[in-house]
């Protein structure tokens, strides 16, 4: 799981797609092992959440301030809403 984390945290869409693919494959591979399946499926859900944010904004709005980027009105609205953070 930790091996794939850099993919999940990339702002590059091709890396996001690879992340979803890798975590999906892990979830399928370990579906029969209850203790591992729960952890892997949770990681897959997080991969999907990360993917959707980068797909929507092309970046992680959470990083804008620290990277000196200006947030768009849509990003500001997203960040102020429920479910915007992990």
PDB file of N, CA and C in Angstrom:
ATOM      1  N   UNK A   1       0.832  -1.192   0.000  1.00  0.00           N
ATOM      2  CA  UNK A   1       0.000   0.000   0.000  1.00  0.00           C
ATOM      3  C   UNK A   1       0.872   1.249   0.000  1.00  0.00           C
ATOM      4  N   UNK A   2       1.866   1.283   0.866  1.00  0.00           N
ATOM      5  CA  UNK A   2       2.695   2.484   0.964  1.00  0.00           C
ATOM      6  C   UNK A   2       3.498   2.726  -0.311  1.00  0.00           C
ATOM      7  N   UNK A   3       3.782   1.672  -1.024  1.00  0.00           N
ATOM      8  CA  UNK A   3       4.520   1.775  -2.279  1.00  0.00           C
ATOM      9  C   UNK A   3       3.761   2.626  -3.298  1.00  0.00           C
ATOM     10  N   UNK A   4       2.418   2.569  -3.258  1.00  0.00           N
ATOM     11  CA  UNK A   4       1.594   3.291  -4.220  1.00  0.00           C
ATOM     12  C   UNK A   4       1.187   4.689  -3.757  1.00  0.00           C
ATOM     13  N   UNK A   5       1.481   5.048  -2.530  1.00  0.00           N
ATOM     14  CA  UNK A   5       1.077   6.351  -1.997  1.00  0.00           C
ATOM     15  C   UNK A   5       1.562   7.544  -2.823  1.00  0.00           C
ATOM     16  N   UNK A   6       2.791   7.540  -3.322  1.00  0.00           N
ATOM     17  CA  UNK A   6       3.216   8.682  -4.149  1.00  0.00           C
ATOM     18  C   UNK A   6       2.328   8.886  -5.377  1.00  0.00           C
ATOM     19  N   UNK A   7       1.810   7.800  -5.937  1.00  0.00           N
ATOM     20  CA  UNK A   7       0.894   7.935  -7.071  1.00  0.00           C
ATOM     21  C   UNK A   7      -0.369   8.671  -6.645  1.00  0.00           C
ATOM     22  N   UNK A   8      -0.897   8.311  -5.484  1.00  0.00           N
ATOM     23  CA  UNK A   8      -2.124   8.912  -4.977  1.00  0.00           C
ATOM     24  C   UNK A   8      -1.962  10.406  -4.723  1.00  0.00           C
ATOM     25  N   UNK A   9      -0.769  10.818  -4.354  1.00  0.00           N
ATOM     26  CA  UNK A   9      -0.556  12.213  -3.978  1.00  0.00           C
ATOM     27  C   UNK A   9       0.012  13.076  -5.096  1.00  0.00           C
ATOM     28  N   UNK A  10       0.112  12.525  -6.281  1.00  0.00           N
ATOM     29  CA  UNK A  10       0.580  13.283  -7.437  1.00  0.00           C
ATOM     30  C   UNK A  10      -0.554  14.137  -7.999  1.00  0.00           C
ATOM     31  N   UNK A  11      -0.210  15.293  -8.548  1.00  0.00           N
ATOM     32  CA  UNK A  11      -1.195  16.133  -9.227  1.00  0.00           C
ATOM     33  C   UNK A  11      -1.244  15.827 -10.726  1.00  0.00           C
ATOM     34  N   UNK A  12      -0.476  14.864 -11.170  1.00  0.00           N
ATOM     35  CA  UNK A  12      -0.461  14.450 -12.571  1.00  0.00           C
ATOM     36  C   UNK A  12      -1.582  13.427 -12.793  1.00  0.00           C
ATOM     37  N   UNK A  13      -2.473  13.716 -13.735  1.00  0.00           N
ATOM     38  CA  UNK A  13      -3.638  12.856 -13.943  1.00  0.00           C
ATOM     39  C   UNK A  13      -3.253  11.435 -14.346  1.00  0.00           C
ATOM     40  N   UNK A  14      -2.192  11.266 -15.117  1.00  0.00           N
ATOM     41  CA  UNK A  14      -1.787   9.909 -15.501  1.00  0.00           C
ATOM     42  C   UNK A  14      -1.337   9.112 -14.275  1.00  0.00           C
ATOM     43  N   UNK A  15      -0.729   9.781 -13.308  1.00  0.00           N
ATOM     44  CA  UNK A  15      -0.339   9.111 -12.067  1.00  0.00           C
ATOM     45  C   UNK A  15      -1.573   8.776 -11.231  1.00  0.00           C
ATOM     46  N   UNK A  16      -2.578   9.646 -11.267  1.00  0.00           N
ATOM     47  CA  UNK A  16      -3.829   9.368 -10.565  1.00  0.00           C
ATOM     48  C   UNK A  16      -4.513   8.135 -11.144  1.00  0.00           C
ATOM     49  N   UNK A  17      -4.523   8.053 -12.469  1.00  0.00           N
ATOM     50  CA  UNK A  17      -5.123   6.888 -13.121  1.00  0.00           C
ATOM     51  C   UNK A  17      -4.377   5.610 -12.741  1.00  0.00           C
ATOM     52  N   UNK A  18      -3.064   5.690 -12.693  1.00  0.00           N
ATOM     53  CA  UNK A  18      -2.245   4.543 -12.288  1.00  0.00           C
ATOM     54  C   UNK A  18      -2.526   4.176 -10.827  1.00  0.00           C
ATOM     55  N   UNK A  19      -2.701   5.178  -9.982  1.00  0.00           N
ATOM     56  CA  UNK A  19      -3.021   4.951  -8.576  1.00  0.00           C
ATOM     57  C   UNK A  19      -4.316   4.165  -8.433  1.00  0.00           C
ATOM     58  N   UNK A  20      -5.353   4.616  -9.120  1.00  0.00           N
ATOM     59  CA  UNK A  20      -6.645   3.934  -9.051  1.00  0.00           C
ATOM     60  C   UNK A  20      -6.511   2.500  -9.558  1.00  0.00           C
ATOM     61  N   UNK A  21      -5.781   2.323 -10.639  1.00  0.00           N
ATOM     62  CA  UNK A  21      -5.560   0.981 -11.187  1.00  0.00           C
ATOM     63  C   UNK A  21      -4.843   0.083 -10.170  1.00  0.00           C
ATOM     64  N   UNK A  22      -3.779   0.586  -9.577  1.00  0.00           N
ATOM     65  CA  UNK A  22      -2.992  -0.209  -8.624  1.00  0.00           C
ATOM     66  C   UNK A  22      -3.796  -0.565  -7.381  1.00  0.00           C
ATOM     67  N   UNK A  23      -4.500   0.422  -6.813  1.00  0.00           N
ATOM     68  CA  UNK A  23      -5.280   0.147  -5.611  1.00  0.00           C
ATOM     69  C   UNK A  23      -6.468  -0.760  -5.918  1.00  0.00           C
ATOM     70  N   UNK A  24      -7.043  -0.622  -7.094  1.00  0.00           N
ATOM     71  CA  UNK A  24      -8.125  -1.515  -7.512  1.00  0.00           C
ATOM     72  C   UNK A  24      -7.617  -2.951  -7.622  1.00  0.00           C
ATOM     73  N   UNK A  25      -6.462  -3.118  -8.228  1.00  0.00           N
ATOM     74  CA  UNK A  25      -5.867  -4.454  -8.352  1.00  0.00           C
ATOM     75  C   UNK A  25      -5.563  -5.062  -6.983  1.00  0.00           C
ATOM     76  N   UNK A  26      -5.051  -4.241  -6.074  1.00  0.00           N
ATOM     77  CA  UNK A  26      -4.783  -4.735  -4.713  1.00  0.00           C
ATOM     78  C   UNK A  26      -6.068  -5.183  -4.032  1.00  0.00           C
ATOM     79  N   UNK A  27      -7.117  -4.370  -4.182  1.00  0.00           N
ATOM     80  CA  UNK A  27      -8.398  -4.711  -3.560  1.00  0.00           C
ATOM     81  C   UNK A  27      -8.923  -6.039  -4.093  1.00  0.00           C
ATOM     82  N   UNK A  28      -8.793  -6.255  -5.384  1.00  0.00           N
ATOM     83  CA  UNK A  28      -9.237  -7.530  -5.974  1.00  0.00           C
ATOM     84  C   UNK A  28      -8.365  -8.688  -5.498  1.00  0.00           C
ATOM     85  N   UNK A  29      -7.064  -8.459  -5.452  1.00  0.00           N
ATOM     86  CA  UNK A  29      -6.126  -9.518  -5.078  1.00  0.00           C
ATOM     87  C   UNK A  29      -6.326 -10.000  -3.645  1.00  0.00           C
ATOM     88  N   UNK A  30      -6.649  -9.071  -2.749  1.00  0.00           N
ATOM     89  CA  UNK A  30      -6.764  -9.427  -1.334  1.00  0.00           C
ATOM     90  C   UNK A  30      -8.210  -9.465  -0.842  1.00  0.00           C
ATOM     91  N   UNK A  31      -9.160  -9.562  -1.750  1.00  0.00           N
ATOM     92  CA  UNK A  31     -10.578  -9.556  -1.381  1.00  0.00           C
ATOM     93  C   UNK A  31     -10.958 -10.699  -0.449  1.00  0.00           C
ATOM     94  N   UNK A  32     -10.257 -11.801  -0.519  1.00  0.00           N
ATOM     95  CA  UNK A  32     -10.611 -12.962   0.308  1.00  0.00           C
ATOM     96  C   UNK A  32      -9.962 -12.954   1.688  1.00  0.00           C
ATOM     97  N   UNK A  33      -9.023 -12.075   1.905  1.00  0.00           N
ATOM     98  CA  UNK A  33      -8.367 -11.973   3.211  1.00  0.00           C
ATOM     99  C   UNK A  33      -9.005 -10.825   3.983  1.00  0.00           C
ATOM    100  N   UNK A  34      -9.897 -11.151   4.908  1.00  0.00           N
ATOM    101  CA  UNK A  34     -10.726 -10.148   5.568  1.00  0.00           C
ATOM    102  C   UNK A  34      -9.943  -8.988   6.177  1.00  0.00           C
ATOM    103  N   UNK A  35      -8.903  -9.270   6.933  1.00  0.00           N
ATOM    104  CA  UNK A  35      -8.163  -8.195   7.607  1.00  0.00           C
ATOM    105  C   UNK A  35      -7.433  -7.304   6.608  1.00  0.00           C
ATOM    106  N   UNK A  36      -6.849  -7.904   5.598  1.00  0.00           N
ATOM    107  CA  UNK A  36      -6.130  -7.117   4.594  1.00  0.00           C
ATOM    108  C   UNK A  36      -7.117  -6.428   3.660  1.00  0.00           C
ATOM    109  N   UNK A  37      -8.210  -7.100   3.315  1.00  0.00           N
ATOM    110  CA  UNK A  37      -9.198  -6.542   2.391  1.00  0.00           C
ATOM    111  C   UNK A  37      -9.761  -5.225   2.903  1.00  0.00           C
ATOM    112  N   UNK A  38     -10.018  -5.140   4.195  1.00  0.00           N
ATOM    113  CA  UNK A  38     -10.568  -3.914   4.772  1.00  0.00           C
ATOM    114  C   UNK A  38      -9.588  -2.751   4.600  1.00  0.00           C
ATOM    115  N   UNK A  39      -8.326  -2.994   4.873  1.00  0.00           N
ATOM    116  CA  UNK A  39      -7.306  -1.958   4.744  1.00  0.00           C
ATOM    117  C   UNK A  39      -7.126  -1.552   3.280  1.00  0.00           C
ATOM    118  N   UNK A  40      -7.072  -2.532   2.400  1.00  0.00           N
ATOM    119  CA  UNK A  40      -6.856  -2.253   0.982  1.00  0.00           C
ATOM    120  C   UNK A  40      -8.064  -1.549   0.374  1.00  0.00           C
ATOM    121  N   UNK A  41      -9.264  -1.969   0.729  1.00  0.00           N
ATOM    122  CA  UNK A  41     -10.446  -1.315   0.165  1.00  0.00           C
ATOM    123  C   UNK A  41     -10.551   0.123   0.660  1.00  0.00           C
ATOM    124  N   UNK A  42     -10.148   0.365   1.893  1.00  0.00           N
ATOM    125  CA  UNK A  42     -10.108   1.740   2.395  1.00  0.00           C
ATOM    126  C   UNK A  42      -9.109   2.583   1.635  1.00  0.00           C
ATOM    127  N   UNK A  43      -7.975   2.004   1.317  1.00  0.00           N
ATOM    128  CA  UNK A  43      -6.963   2.719   0.528  1.00  0.00           C
ATOM    129  C   UNK A  43      -7.468   2.998  -0.878  1.00  0.00           C
ATOM    130  N   UNK A  44      -8.196   2.049  -1.449  1.00  0.00           N
ATOM    131  CA  UNK A  44      -8.780   2.262  -2.775  1.00  0.00           C
ATOM    132  C   UNK A  44      -9.777   3.418  -2.741  1.00  0.00           C
ATOM    133  N   UNK A  45     -10.592   3.487  -1.693  1.00  0.00           N
ATOM    134  CA  UNK A  45     -11.551   4.593  -1.560  1.00  0.00           C
ATOM    135  C   UNK A  45     -10.826   5.936  -1.494  1.00  0.00           C
ATOM    136  N   UNK A  46      -9.737   5.997  -0.753  1.00  0.00           N
ATOM    137  CA  UNK A  46      -8.947   7.232  -0.690  1.00  0.00           C
ATOM    138  C   UNK A  46      -8.323   7.556  -2.039  1.00  0.00           C
ATOM    139  N   UNK A  47      -7.864   6.539  -2.750  1.00  0.00           N
ATOM    140  CA  UNK A  47      -7.306   6.764  -4.091  1.00  0.00           C
ATOM    141  C   UNK A  47      -8.362   7.388  -4.996  1.00  0.00           C
ATOM    142  N   UNK A  48      -9.595   6.913  -4.893  1.00  0.00           N
ATOM    143  CA  UNK A  48     -10.679   7.461  -5.711  1.00  0.00           C
ATOM    144  C   UNK A  48     -10.989   8.907  -5.319  1.00  0.00           C
ATOM    145  N   UNK A  49     -10.970   9.208  -4.023  1.00  0.00           N
ATOM    146  CA  UNK A  49     -11.212  10.585  -3.579  1.00  0.00           C
ATOM    147  C   UNK A  49     -10.131  11.519  -4.117  1.00  0.00           C
ATOM    148  N   UNK A  50      -8.886  11.088  -4.033  1.00  0.00           N
ATOM    149  CA  UNK A  50      -7.781  11.893  -4.553  1.00  0.00           C
ATOM    150  C   UNK A  50      -7.926  12.082  -6.065  1.00  0.00           C
ATOM    151  N   UNK A  51      -8.250  11.002  -6.759  1.00  0.00           N
ATOM    152  CA  UNK A  51      -8.432  11.036  -8.213  1.00  0.00           C
ATOM    153  C   UNK A  51      -9.498  12.058  -8.601  1.00  0.00           C
ATOM    154  N   UNK A  52     -10.634  12.022  -7.922  1.00  0.00           N
ATOM    155  CA  UNK A  52     -11.740  12.929  -8.243  1.00  0.00           C
ATOM    156  C   UNK A  52     -11.353  14.394  -8.051  1.00  0.00           C
ATOM    157  N   UNK A  53     -10.569  14.684  -7.020  1.00  0.00           N
ATOM    158  CA  UNK A  53     -10.139  16.071  -6.787  1.00  0.00           C
ATOM    159  C   UNK A  53      -9.225  16.543  -7.908  1.00  0.00           C
ATOM    160  N   UNK A  54      -8.241  15.732  -8.270  1.00  0.00           N
ATOM    161  CA  UNK A  54      -7.315  16.126  -9.343  1.00  0.00           C
ATOM    162  C   UNK A  54      -8.049  16.175 -10.680  1.00  0.00           C
ATOM    163  N   UNK A  55      -8.982  15.272 -10.895  1.00  0.00           N
ATOM    164  CA  UNK A  55      -9.773  15.292 -12.132  1.00  0.00           C
ATOM    165  C   UNK A  55     -10.591  16.581 -12.216  1.00  0.00           C
ATOM    166  N   UNK A  56     -11.161  16.988 -11.112  1.00  0.00           N
ATOM    167  CA  UNK A  56     -12.022  18.179 -11.083  1.00  0.00           C
ATOM    168  C   UNK A  56     -11.234  19.477 -11.208  1.00  0.00           C
ATOM    169  N   UNK A  57     -10.111  19.568 -10.473  1.00  0.00           N
ATOM    170  CA  UNK A  57      -9.381  20.836 -10.402  1.00  0.00           C
ATOM    171  C   UNK A  57      -8.042  20.838 -11.137  1.00  0.00           C
ATOM    172  N   UNK A  58      -7.537  19.669 -11.473  1.00  0.00           N
ATOM    173  CA  UNK A  58      -6.223  19.588 -12.112  1.00  0.00           C
ATOM    174  C   UNK A  58      -5.082  19.725 -11.125  1.00  0.00           C
ATOM    175  N   UNK A  59      -5.416  19.760  -9.856  1.00  0.00           N
ATOM    176  CA  UNK A  59      -4.435  19.915  -8.776  1.00  0.00           C
ATOM    177  C   UNK A  59      -5.155  19.708  -7.450  1.00  0.00           C
ATOM    178  N   UNK A  60      -4.382  19.759  -6.375  1.00  0.00           N
ATOM    179  CA  UNK A  60      -4.966  19.693  -5.041  1.00  0.00           C
ATOM    180  C   UNK A  60      -5.124  21.114  -4.510  1.00  0.00           C
ATOM    181  N   UNK A  61      -6.356  21.608  -4.406  1.00  0.00           N
ATOM    182  CA  UNK A  61      -6.564  22.956  -3.880  1.00  0.00           C
ATOM    183  C   UNK A  61      -6.021  23.134  -2.465  1.00  0.00           C
ATOM    184  N   UNK A  62      -5.932  22.038  -1.705  1.00  0.00           N
ATOM    185  CA  UNK A  62      -5.414  22.101  -0.333  1.00  0.00           C
ATOM    186  C   UNK A  62      -3.981  22.633  -0.301  1.00  0.00           C
ATOM    187  N   UNK A  63      -3.254  22.470  -1.391  1.00  0.00           N
ATOM    188  CA  UNK A  63      -1.847  22.862  -1.452  1.00  0.00           C
ATOM    189  C   UNK A  63      -1.634  24.294  -1.939  1.00  0.00           C
ATOM    190  N   UNK A  64      -2.675  24.946  -2.375  1.00  0.00           N
ATOM    191  CA  UNK A  64      -2.514  26.255  -3.011  1.00  0.00           C
ATOM    192  C   UNK A  64      -1.781  27.268  -2.132  1.00  0.00           C
ATOM    193  N   UNK A  65      -2.211  27.413  -0.911  1.00  0.00           N
ATOM    194  CA  UNK A  65      -1.604  28.427  -0.034  1.00  0.00           C
ATOM    195  C   UNK A  65      -0.119  28.155   0.185  1.00  0.00           C
ATOM    196  N   UNK A  66       0.217  26.930   0.517  1.00  0.00           N
ATOM    197  CA  UNK A  66       1.612  26.599   0.820  1.00  0.00           C
ATOM    198  C   UNK A  66       2.503  26.712  -0.415  1.00  0.00           C
ATOM    199  N   UNK A  67       1.912  26.506  -1.600  1.00  0.00           N
ATOM    200  CA  UNK A  67       2.682  26.600  -2.841  1.00  0.00           C
ATOM    201  C   UNK A  67       2.591  27.980  -3.496  1.00  0.00           C
ATOM    202  N   UNK A  68       1.905  28.909  -2.838  1.00  0.00           N
ATOM    203  CA  UNK A  68       1.792  30.264  -3.367  1.00  0.00           C
ATOM    204  C   UNK A  68       0.888  30.360  -4.588  1.00  0.00           C
ATOM    205  N   UNK A  69      -0.046  29.428  -4.707  1.00  0.00           N
ATOM    206  CA  UNK A  69      -0.978  29.452  -5.834  1.00  0.00           C
ATOM    207  C   UNK A  69      -2.267  30.137  -5.407  1.00  0.00           C
ATOM    208  N   UNK A  70      -2.864  30.826  -6.340  1.00  0.00           N
ATOM    209  CA  UNK A  70      -4.142  31.470  -6.076  1.00  0.00           C
ATOM    210  C   UNK A  70      -5.258  30.452  -6.286  1.00  0.00           C
ATOM    211  N   UNK A  71      -6.192  30.421  -5.364  1.00  0.00           N
ATOM    212  CA  UNK A  71      -7.327  29.506  -5.480  1.00  0.00           C
ATOM    213  C   UNK A  71      -8.416  30.124  -6.340  1.00  0.00           C
ATOM    214  N   UNK A  72      -9.070  29.285  -7.119  1.00  0.00           N
ATOM    215  CA  UNK A  72     -10.207  29.735  -7.912  1.00  0.00           C
ATOM    216  C   UNK A  72     -11.429  29.813  -6.999  1.00  0.00           C
ATOM    217  N   UNK A  73     -12.470  30.546  -7.408  1.00  0.00           N
ATOM    218  CA  UNK A  73     -13.693  30.572  -6.597  1.00  0.00           C
ATOM    219  C   UNK A  73     -14.266  29.167  -6.360  1.00  0.00           C
ATOM    220  N   UNK A  74     -14.197  28.302  -7.363  1.00  0.00           N
ATOM    221  CA  UNK A  74     -14.695  26.932  -7.209  1.00  0.00           C
ATOM    222  C   UNK A  74     -13.879  26.164  -6.167  1.00  0.00           C
ATOM    223  N   UNK A  75     -12.560  26.373  -6.173  1.00  0.00           N
ATOM    224  CA  UNK A  75     -11.706  25.705  -5.182  1.00  0.00           C
ATOM    225  C   UNK A  75     -12.005  26.215  -3.778  1.00  0.00           C
ATOM    226  N   UNK A  76     -12.194  27.513  -3.636  1.00  0.00           N
ATOM    227  CA  UNK A  76     -12.507  28.095  -2.326  1.00  0.00           C
ATOM    228  C   UNK A  76     -13.817  27.518  -1.800  1.00  0.00           C
ATOM    229  N   UNK A  77     -14.808  27.420  -2.678  1.00  0.00           N
ATOM    230  CA  UNK A  77     -16.092  26.844  -2.277  1.00  0.00           C
ATOM    231  C   UNK A  77     -15.921  25.383  -1.856  1.00  0.00           C
ATOM    232  N   UNK A  78     -15.160  24.635  -2.631  1.00  0.00           N
ATOM    233  CA  UNK A  78     -14.900  23.229  -2.309  1.00  0.00           C
ATOM    234  C   UNK A  78     -14.213  23.096  -0.953  1.00  0.00           C
ATOM    235  N   UNK A  79     -13.176  23.885  -0.732  1.00  0.00           N
ATOM    236  CA  UNK A  79     -12.400  23.791   0.510  1.00  0.00           C
ATOM    237  C   UNK A  79     -13.210  24.175   1.744  1.00  0.00           C
ATOM    238  N   UNK A  80     -14.208  25.023   1.571  1.00  0.00           N
ATOM    239  CA  UNK A  80     -15.008  25.449   2.718  1.00  0.00           C
ATOM    240  C   UNK A  80     -16.173  24.499   2.996  1.00  0.00           C
ATOM    241  N   UNK A  81     -16.392  23.554   2.100  1.00  0.00           N
ATOM    242  CA  UNK A  81     -17.508  22.632   2.260  1.00  0.00           C
ATOM    243  C   UNK A  81     -17.148  21.383   3.035  1.00  0.00           C
ATOM    244  N   UNK A  82     -18.173  20.639   3.432  1.00  0.00           N
ATOM    245  CA  UNK A  82     -17.927  19.374   4.142  1.00  0.00           C
ATOM    246  C   UNK A  82     -17.319  18.334   3.203  1.00  0.00           C
ATOM    247  N   UNK A  83     -16.486  17.489   3.749  1.00  0.00           N
ATOM    248  CA  UNK A  83     -15.889  16.412   2.973  1.00  0.00           C
ATOM    249  C   UNK A  83     -14.739  16.826   2.085  1.00  0.00           C
ATOM    250  N   UNK A  84     -14.224  18.030   2.287  1.00  0.00           N
ATOM    251  CA  UNK A  84     -13.138  18.501   1.423  1.00  0.00           C
ATOM    252  C   UNK A  84     -11.763  18.079   1.927  1.00  0.00           C
ATOM    253  N   UNK A  85     -11.704  17.616   3.149  1.00  0.00           N
ATOM    254  CA  UNK A  85     -10.402  17.219   3.692  1.00  0.00           C
ATOM    255  C   UNK A  85     -10.403  15.728   3.998  1.00  0.00           C
ATOM    256  N   UNK A  86      -9.215  15.219   4.203  1.00  0.00           N
ATOM    257  CA  UNK A  86      -9.073  13.800   4.484  1.00  0.00           C
ATOM    258  C   UNK A  86      -8.903  13.633   5.961  1.00  0.00           C
TER     259      UNK A  86
END
